[in-house]
Protein backbone atom coordinates (compact mmCIF):
# COMPACT_ATOMS: atom_id res chain seq x y z
CA MET A 1 15.76 -21.61 -17.19
CA SER A 2 12.21 -20.26 -17.01
CA ALA A 3 11.50 -17.82 -14.20
CA ALA A 4 7.96 -19.14 -13.87
CA PRO A 5 7.22 -21.39 -10.88
CA GLY A 6 5.32 -24.63 -11.35
CA GLU A 7 1.53 -24.64 -11.53
CA LYS A 8 1.30 -26.92 -8.51
CA THR A 9 3.40 -24.54 -6.45
CA LEU A 10 1.29 -21.53 -7.42
CA ASN A 11 -1.88 -23.43 -6.58
CA GLU A 12 -0.54 -24.27 -3.13
CA ILE A 13 0.49 -20.66 -2.46
CA ASN A 14 -2.83 -19.33 -3.75
CA GLU A 15 -4.75 -21.65 -1.42
CA LEU A 16 -2.81 -20.27 1.52
CA ILE A 17 -3.30 -16.63 0.52
CA ARG A 18 -7.07 -17.09 0.26
CA LEU A 19 -7.14 -18.02 3.95
CA ASP A 20 -7.18 -14.85 6.04
CA THR A 21 -4.81 -15.72 8.87
CA THR A 22 -4.38 -12.22 10.27
CA SER A 23 -2.79 -12.66 13.70
CA ARG A 24 -5.86 -11.45 15.60
CA ASP A 25 -7.86 -14.33 14.08
CA THR A 26 -7.52 -18.11 14.04
CA ASN A 27 -5.07 -19.97 11.81
CA LEU A 28 -6.84 -23.32 12.22
CA PRO A 29 -8.40 -23.46 8.72
CA LEU A 30 -4.90 -23.22 7.25
CA ILE A 31 -3.52 -25.80 9.68
CA GLU A 32 -6.38 -28.17 8.79
CA LYS A 33 -5.53 -27.83 5.09
CA VAL A 34 -1.91 -28.67 5.81
CA ILE A 35 -2.98 -31.69 7.87
CA ASP A 36 -5.09 -32.97 4.96
CA LYS A 37 -2.09 -32.69 2.64
CA LEU A 38 0.19 -34.45 5.12
CA GLN A 39 -2.30 -37.27 5.66
CA ALA A 40 -2.59 -37.73 1.89
CA VAL A 41 1.11 -38.66 1.77
CA GLY A 42 1.13 -40.59 5.04
CA VAL A 43 2.93 -38.08 7.23
CA GLU A 44 1.99 -37.82 10.90
CA HIS A 45 1.80 -34.50 12.70
CA THR A 46 1.71 -32.92 16.14
CA LEU A 47 -0.29 -29.81 17.04
CA ILE A 48 0.65 -27.37 19.78
CA HIS A 49 -2.36 -25.15 20.53
CA ASN A 50 -2.52 -21.81 22.25
CA ALA A 51 -4.20 -21.65 25.67
CA GLU A 52 -7.59 -20.79 24.13
CA GLY A 53 -7.41 -23.56 21.54
CA THR A 54 -8.04 -21.06 18.75
CA LYS A 55 -4.63 -21.34 17.10
CA ALA A 56 -2.04 -24.04 16.60
CA ASN A 57 1.53 -24.73 15.62
CA LEU A 58 2.10 -27.75 13.45
CA LEU A 59 5.14 -30.02 13.68
CA ALA A 60 5.59 -32.88 11.22
CA THR A 61 8.54 -35.14 10.56
CA ILE A 62 9.20 -36.84 7.25
CA PRO A 63 11.41 -39.72 8.41
CA ALA A 64 14.61 -40.85 6.78
CA HIS A 65 14.33 -43.89 4.51
CA ASP A 66 15.31 -46.17 7.41
CA GLY A 67 12.66 -44.66 9.68
CA THR A 68 14.99 -42.36 11.61
CA THR A 69 13.24 -39.29 12.98
CA THR A 70 16.13 -37.65 14.84
CA GLY A 71 18.66 -35.27 13.37
CA GLY A 72 17.94 -33.79 9.98
CA ILE A 73 16.80 -30.36 8.88
CA VAL A 74 13.94 -28.12 10.04
CA LEU A 75 12.02 -26.04 7.50
CA SER A 76 10.24 -23.32 9.46
CA GLY A 77 7.58 -20.80 8.54
CA HIS A 78 4.86 -18.78 10.26
CA THR A 79 1.25 -19.04 9.15
CA ASP A 80 -0.04 -15.64 10.32
CA VAL A 81 -0.05 -12.36 8.43
CA VAL A 82 -0.36 -8.70 9.42
CA PRO A 83 -3.64 -6.78 9.01
CA VAL A 84 -4.67 -4.94 5.86
CA ASP A 85 -6.74 -2.38 7.81
CA GLY A 86 -6.41 1.14 6.46
CA GLN A 87 -4.30 0.11 3.48
CA GLU A 88 -5.23 0.85 -0.11
CA TRP A 89 -4.81 -2.17 -2.36
CA SER A 90 -5.05 -2.37 -6.14
CA SER A 91 -6.66 -5.81 -5.87
CA GLU A 92 -8.28 -7.88 -3.14
CA PRO A 93 -5.56 -8.67 -0.55
CA PHE A 94 -6.80 -12.22 0.07
CA GLU A 95 -7.38 -13.05 -3.57
CA PRO A 96 -4.04 -13.77 -5.28
CA ALA A 97 -3.36 -11.95 -8.52
CA VAL A 98 -0.46 -12.20 -10.97
CA ARG A 99 0.59 -8.97 -12.68
CA GLU A 100 3.79 -8.36 -14.64
CA GLY A 101 5.75 -11.26 -13.18
CA LYS A 102 4.64 -10.67 -9.60
CA LEU A 103 2.17 -12.48 -7.36
CA TYR A 104 0.13 -10.04 -5.26
CA GLY A 105 -1.71 -10.75 -2.01
CA ARG A 106 -1.32 -10.53 1.73
CA GLY A 107 1.26 -13.08 2.80
CA THR A 108 2.72 -13.70 -0.64
CA CYS A 109 6.10 -12.44 0.51
CA ASP A 110 5.74 -12.88 4.28
CA MET A 111 5.68 -15.84 4.16
CA LYS A 112 3.16 -18.12 2.49
CA ALA A 113 5.23 -18.55 -0.67
CA PHE A 114 7.87 -20.46 1.32
CA ILE A 115 5.25 -22.69 2.96
CA GLY A 116 3.50 -23.21 -0.38
CA VAL A 117 6.71 -24.38 -2.03
CA ILE A 118 7.22 -26.91 0.76
CA LEU A 119 3.66 -28.21 0.42
CA SER A 120 4.13 -28.56 -3.32
CA ARG A 121 7.08 -30.89 -2.66
CA LEU A 122 5.44 -33.26 -0.14
CA THR A 123 5.27 -36.10 -2.66
CA GLU A 124 8.93 -35.65 -3.56
CA LEU A 125 9.92 -35.49 0.11
CA THR A 126 8.04 -38.64 1.05
CA SER A 127 9.15 -40.65 -1.97
CA ALA A 128 12.83 -39.74 -1.68
CA ARG A 129 15.31 -42.10 -0.03
CA LEU A 130 16.18 -39.54 2.62
CA LYS A 131 19.37 -40.15 4.57
CA GLU A 132 17.98 -38.03 7.40
CA PRO A 133 14.58 -36.61 8.30
CA VAL A 134 13.05 -33.31 7.30
CA HIS A 135 10.96 -31.57 9.95
CA LEU A 136 8.22 -29.08 9.05
CA ALA A 137 7.57 -26.45 11.72
CA PHE A 138 4.70 -24.04 11.02
CA SER A 139 3.86 -21.54 13.75
CA TYR A 140 1.14 -19.08 14.74
CA ASP A 141 1.45 -15.44 15.92
CA GLU A 142 4.95 -14.69 14.73
CA GLU A 143 3.79 -11.23 13.73
CA VAL A 144 2.82 -10.30 17.28
CA GLY A 145 6.08 -11.31 18.90
CA CYS A 146 7.10 -14.84 17.90
CA VAL A 147 4.51 -16.13 20.36
CA GLY A 148 3.69 -19.54 18.90
CA ALA A 149 7.21 -20.63 18.06
CA VAL A 150 8.16 -20.78 21.73
CA GLY A 151 5.95 -23.85 22.24
CA LEU A 152 6.94 -25.25 18.88
CA VAL A 153 10.64 -25.21 19.68
CA GLU A 154 9.92 -26.61 23.13
CA LYS A 155 8.09 -29.53 21.50
CA ILE A 156 11.04 -30.22 19.17
CA THR A 157 13.28 -30.37 22.24
CA GLU A 158 10.80 -32.46 24.25
CA LEU A 159 10.57 -35.05 21.47
CA GLY A 160 14.35 -35.29 21.28
CA LEU A 161 14.38 -34.61 17.52
CA ALA A 162 17.79 -32.89 17.77
CA PRO A 163 17.91 -31.40 14.23
CA ARG A 164 21.36 -30.55 12.96
CA GLY A 165 20.12 -27.35 11.34
CA ALA A 166 17.12 -25.18 10.55
CA VAL A 167 16.12 -22.91 7.69
CA VAL A 168 13.61 -20.17 8.52
CA GLY A 169 12.04 -19.10 5.24
CA GLU A 170 11.46 -15.41 6.00
CA PRO A 171 11.87 -13.20 2.93
CA SER A 172 15.59 -12.70 2.39
CA SER A 173 15.66 -12.65 -1.44
CA MET A 174 17.04 -16.19 -1.07
CA ARG A 175 20.16 -14.87 0.63
CA VAL A 176 21.61 -16.95 3.46
CA ILE A 177 21.28 -14.68 6.50
CA ARG A 178 23.16 -15.55 9.70
CA GLY A 179 22.05 -12.82 12.05
CA HIS A 180 19.48 -10.36 13.33
CA LYS A 181 18.91 -8.45 16.56
CA SER A 182 16.61 -9.46 19.39
CA MET A 183 13.12 -7.97 19.62
CA ASN A 184 11.74 -6.74 22.95
CA VAL A 185 8.48 -4.79 23.48
CA PHE A 186 7.28 -3.33 26.79
CA LYS A 187 4.23 -1.59 28.23
CA VAL A 188 4.62 0.61 31.33
CA ASP A 189 1.43 1.86 33.02
CA PHE A 190 1.76 4.85 35.37
CA HIS A 191 -1.21 5.02 37.76
CA GLY A 192 -1.72 8.40 39.37
CA VAL A 193 -4.70 10.04 41.06
CA ALA A 194 -7.29 12.12 39.21
CA ALA A 195 -8.19 15.62 40.41
CA HIS A 196 -9.39 18.92 39.02
CA SER A 197 -6.55 20.70 37.27
CA SER A 198 -6.98 23.68 39.59
CA LEU A 199 -6.13 21.41 42.55
CA PRO A 200 -2.98 19.57 41.48
CA GLY A 201 -2.03 18.92 45.09
CA GLU A 202 -5.08 16.68 45.41
CA GLY A 203 -3.97 14.46 42.55
CA LEU A 204 -0.93 12.63 41.22
CA ASN A 205 -0.01 13.41 37.63
CA ALA A 206 0.62 10.12 35.78
CA ILE A 207 1.80 11.91 32.63
CA SER A 208 4.56 13.73 34.50
CA TYR A 209 6.11 10.49 35.70
CA ALA A 210 5.54 8.72 32.38
CA THR A 211 7.39 11.42 30.49
CA ARG A 212 10.26 11.16 32.94
CA PHE A 213 10.46 7.47 32.12
CA ALA A 214 10.35 8.29 28.40
CA ARG A 215 13.31 10.62 28.87
CA PHE A 216 15.16 7.81 30.62
CA VAL A 217 14.52 5.57 27.61
CA ASP A 218 16.05 8.26 25.39
CA GLU A 219 19.08 8.53 27.68
CA VAL A 220 19.68 4.78 27.61
CA SER A 221 19.16 4.79 23.83
CA ALA A 222 21.88 7.42 23.41
CA GLU A 223 24.18 5.41 25.67
CA LEU A 224 23.58 2.23 23.67
CA ARG A 225 24.43 4.03 20.45
CA GLN A 226 27.88 4.68 21.88
CA GLY A 227 28.28 1.05 22.91
CA GLU A 228 28.98 -2.25 21.20
CA ARG A 229 28.79 -2.30 17.42
CA ASP A 230 28.31 -4.86 14.67
CA GLU A 231 28.97 -3.32 11.28
CA ALA A 232 27.08 -6.12 9.51
CA PHE A 233 23.87 -4.30 10.49
CA LEU A 234 22.48 -1.21 8.79
CA GLU A 235 22.05 0.14 12.34
CA PRO A 236 25.25 -1.23 13.93
CA THR A 237 24.26 -0.72 17.58
CA THR A 238 21.50 -1.80 19.92
CA THR A 239 18.52 0.54 19.41
CA MET A 240 15.82 1.62 21.87
CA ASN A 241 12.77 3.81 21.26
CA VAL A 242 9.59 5.09 22.88
CA ASN A 243 7.01 4.36 20.20
CA ARG A 244 3.70 5.30 21.80
CA ILE A 245 2.32 7.24 24.78
CA ASP A 246 -1.34 7.23 25.84
CA GLY A 247 -2.58 9.41 28.70
CA GLY A 248 -5.08 11.92 29.99
CA ILE A 249 -8.80 12.41 29.47
CA ALA A 250 -9.27 16.19 29.49
CA VAL A 251 -7.27 19.42 29.71
CA ASN A 252 -8.85 20.30 33.07
CA THR A 253 -8.18 16.96 34.77
CA ILE A 254 -5.02 15.71 36.47
CA PRO A 255 -4.35 12.47 34.54
CA ALA A 256 -4.74 9.26 36.57
CA LEU A 257 -3.22 6.99 33.92
CA CYS A 258 -0.50 7.23 31.32
CA THR A 259 0.98 4.33 29.37
CA VAL A 260 4.38 4.26 27.71
CA PHE A 261 5.23 1.65 25.07
CA PHE A 262 8.89 1.19 24.27
CA GLU A 263 11.04 -1.40 22.55
CA TYR A 264 14.64 -2.28 22.01
CA ARG A 265 16.50 -4.42 19.48
CA SER A 266 19.77 -5.66 20.82
CA LEU A 267 22.93 -7.13 19.41
CA ALA A 268 23.59 -10.74 20.33
CA SER A 269 26.46 -9.61 22.58
CA VAL A 270 24.13 -7.51 24.78
CA ASP A 271 22.69 -9.07 27.94
CA ARG A 272 18.93 -8.78 27.36
CA GLU A 273 18.03 -9.77 30.92
CA ALA A 274 20.33 -7.14 32.39
CA LEU A 275 19.05 -4.41 30.05
CA THR A 276 15.43 -5.25 30.77
CA ALA A 277 16.16 -5.32 34.51
CA ARG A 278 17.68 -1.84 34.25
CA MET A 279 14.52 -0.47 32.63
CA ARG A 280 12.31 -2.20 35.19
CA ALA A 281 14.41 -0.75 38.02
CA GLU A 282 13.84 2.77 36.74
CA ALA A 283 10.09 2.16 36.62
CA GLU A 284 10.25 0.94 40.23
CA ARG A 285 12.30 3.98 41.27
CA LEU A 286 9.66 6.29 39.80
CA GLN A 287 6.96 4.31 41.56
CA ASP A 288 8.73 4.98 44.88
CA GLU A 289 8.79 8.70 44.09
CA MET A 290 5.10 8.66 43.19
CA ARG A 291 4.20 6.98 46.48
CA GLN A 292 6.10 9.61 48.42
CA VAL A 293 3.64 12.12 46.98
CA ASN A 294 0.57 9.88 47.15
CA PRO A 295 0.52 6.26 48.37
CA ALA A 296 -1.98 5.37 45.62
CA GLY A 297 0.70 5.79 42.96
CA ARG A 298 1.67 2.65 41.09
CA VAL A 299 3.71 1.55 38.06
CA ASP A 300 3.05 -1.70 36.20
CA PHE A 301 5.90 -2.89 33.97
CA SER A 302 5.02 -5.68 31.55
CA ILE A 303 6.75 -7.45 28.67
CA GLN A 304 4.50 -7.49 25.61
CA ALA A 305 6.70 -9.50 23.28
CA GLY A 306 10.23 -10.74 23.02
CA ALA A 307 12.42 -12.96 20.90
CA PRO A 308 16.16 -13.54 20.98
CA GLY A 309 18.51 -12.42 18.28
CA LEU A 310 20.38 -14.67 15.88
CA ASP A 311 24.13 -14.85 15.46
CA THR A 312 25.04 -18.05 13.65
CA ALA A 313 28.75 -18.56 13.12
CA PRO A 314 29.90 -18.25 9.49
CA GLU A 315 31.55 -21.67 9.72
CA ALA A 316 28.34 -23.40 10.90
CA GLU A 317 27.40 -26.35 8.73
CA ILE A 318 23.88 -25.02 8.03
CA VAL A 319 25.42 -21.94 6.39
CA GLU A 320 27.36 -24.10 3.94
CA LEU A 321 24.36 -26.37 3.34
CA ALA A 322 22.01 -23.49 2.53
CA ALA A 323 24.55 -22.10 0.07
CA ARG A 324 24.99 -25.56 -1.48
CA TRP A 325 21.23 -25.77 -2.03
CA GLY A 326 21.20 -22.47 -3.88
CA GLY A 327 20.97 -19.78 -1.22
CA GLU A 328 23.07 -16.72 -1.98
CA PRO A 329 25.88 -16.28 0.58
CA ALA A 330 25.65 -12.95 2.42
CA GLN A 331 27.72 -11.21 5.06
CA ASP A 332 25.14 -8.64 6.15
CA LYS A 333 22.56 -9.14 8.89
CA VAL A 334 18.93 -8.09 8.71
CA THR A 335 17.06 -5.41 10.64
CA TYR A 336 13.87 -7.40 11.18
CA GLY A 337 13.35 -10.06 13.84
CA THR A 338 12.36 -13.69 13.23
CA GLU A 339 11.79 -16.97 15.03
CA ALA A 340 15.30 -18.08 14.06
CA GLY A 341 16.76 -16.99 17.39
CA LEU A 342 14.41 -19.36 19.23
CA PHE A 343 15.70 -22.32 17.22
CA ALA A 344 19.29 -21.23 17.74
CA GLY A 345 18.64 -20.80 21.45
CA ALA A 346 17.55 -24.45 21.57
CA GLY A 347 20.89 -25.52 20.15
CA ILE A 348 19.75 -25.81 16.52
CA PRO A 349 22.11 -23.93 14.16
CA THR A 350 19.83 -21.74 12.06
CA VAL A 351 19.85 -19.48 9.03
CA ILE A 352 17.20 -17.35 7.35
CA CYS A 353 16.72 -18.07 3.67
CA GLY A 354 13.43 -17.50 1.91
CA PRO A 355 11.86 -16.01 -1.21
CA GLY A 356 10.80 -12.40 -1.52
CA ASP A 357 12.06 -9.00 -0.44
CA ILE A 358 11.31 -7.83 3.12
CA ALA A 359 10.59 -4.37 1.66
CA GLN A 360 7.29 -5.74 0.34
CA ALA A 361 6.27 -7.41 3.62
CA HIS A 362 3.40 -5.75 5.56
CA ALA A 363 2.88 -3.20 2.78
CA PRO A 364 -0.25 -2.55 0.70
CA ASP A 365 -0.08 -4.46 -2.59
CA GLU A 366 2.33 -6.95 -0.99
CA PHE A 367 3.92 -9.04 -3.72
CA ILE A 368 6.61 -11.54 -4.52
CA GLU A 369 8.51 -11.86 -7.78
CA LEU A 370 7.62 -15.13 -9.50
CA SER A 371 11.33 -15.68 -10.11
CA GLN A 372 11.84 -15.72 -6.34
CA ILE A 373 9.32 -18.53 -6.00
CA THR A 374 11.18 -20.44 -8.69
CA ALA A 375 14.46 -19.92 -6.83
CA CYS A 376 12.83 -21.31 -3.69
CA GLU A 377 11.58 -24.35 -5.62
CA GLN A 378 15.12 -24.98 -6.80
CA PHE A 379 16.41 -24.60 -3.24
CA ILE A 380 14.00 -27.19 -1.83
CA ASP A 381 14.63 -29.55 -4.78
CA ALA A 382 18.38 -29.28 -4.22
CA MET A 383 17.92 -29.94 -0.50
CA ILE A 384 15.89 -33.08 -1.22
CA ALA A 385 18.51 -34.34 -3.66
CA ASP A 386 21.36 -33.58 -1.28
CA LEU A 387 19.68 -35.34 1.64
CA SER A 388 18.80 -38.40 -0.41
CA GLN A 389 20.80 -41.61 -0.81
């Protein structure tokens, strides 16, 4: 069978790539294009906007042949992409280009190819005698912490759609992935008191307390590495890291502010709330120490992003279905986070299965093998056939 995807599919993907949906910007032009395509085949949609109204999730249900809209399968993808700033590309990142069996462009792999394949099959989906509905769930701001999908999953629950399974089309080389760790990102601001460096007793050194917190993060990280394990992961334990520290304005000034950014990625068996509470408690303990020196001392602990992990049971029906439709069964779990844990947390058994290799995601000259797009076409076609009467 030819490895080349259909012309219609490539056209759909190319349209999506040409829309710069970097997370810092709006995704509404892309959403409007999808709405036009849905309206052309008579499919209704629901939008869930962000607070500013500048971005939107899209939820659409293609009913079963008898009009049923509950149950069925969710096909989920995010519409945003990461920036290209500072990267050197061989071609324009938002102008798709085919070279040597690969489609290049920002979002080709992560994850507009999956969405494009779905859009190319709207006519087939709406003309099939579906035994159960297919729900399309396209989100915003996945790349900055699975922000949009929270409201999207809430809407699915609110509408009582009760899908029996979901496929999140993140790049997995069309392997059926059952698990990944949670993602949790934090910002901790240490507020001290500025003074001349020759008069440290007049000030309160924010960097000193921030570095003590950073050492605590390292201590907890080492402890976690001796804790629970899941050998299906490349890194089999929960991981925690300090990834950025900002502080100080001059070498002769006691720093009044220092910010520590840290993150952890936990196994499904780890209590995220308890672990986060432990880190917050240490920040509060350091704040108490700061105030003993100077009452102006303060620590602000904030959660920047977070999404639950995924740990779908191997015997879950969605695992067997995805394999039946052409996904490659796999025992390993992936290192990257996705929106899949949000669906699973809402009681929707979920797997990750999408075209492309995660190694190409976010990189300059991002690409997807054309054969991967073809495999995704075959997956969606098999799903339609399997769900039809």
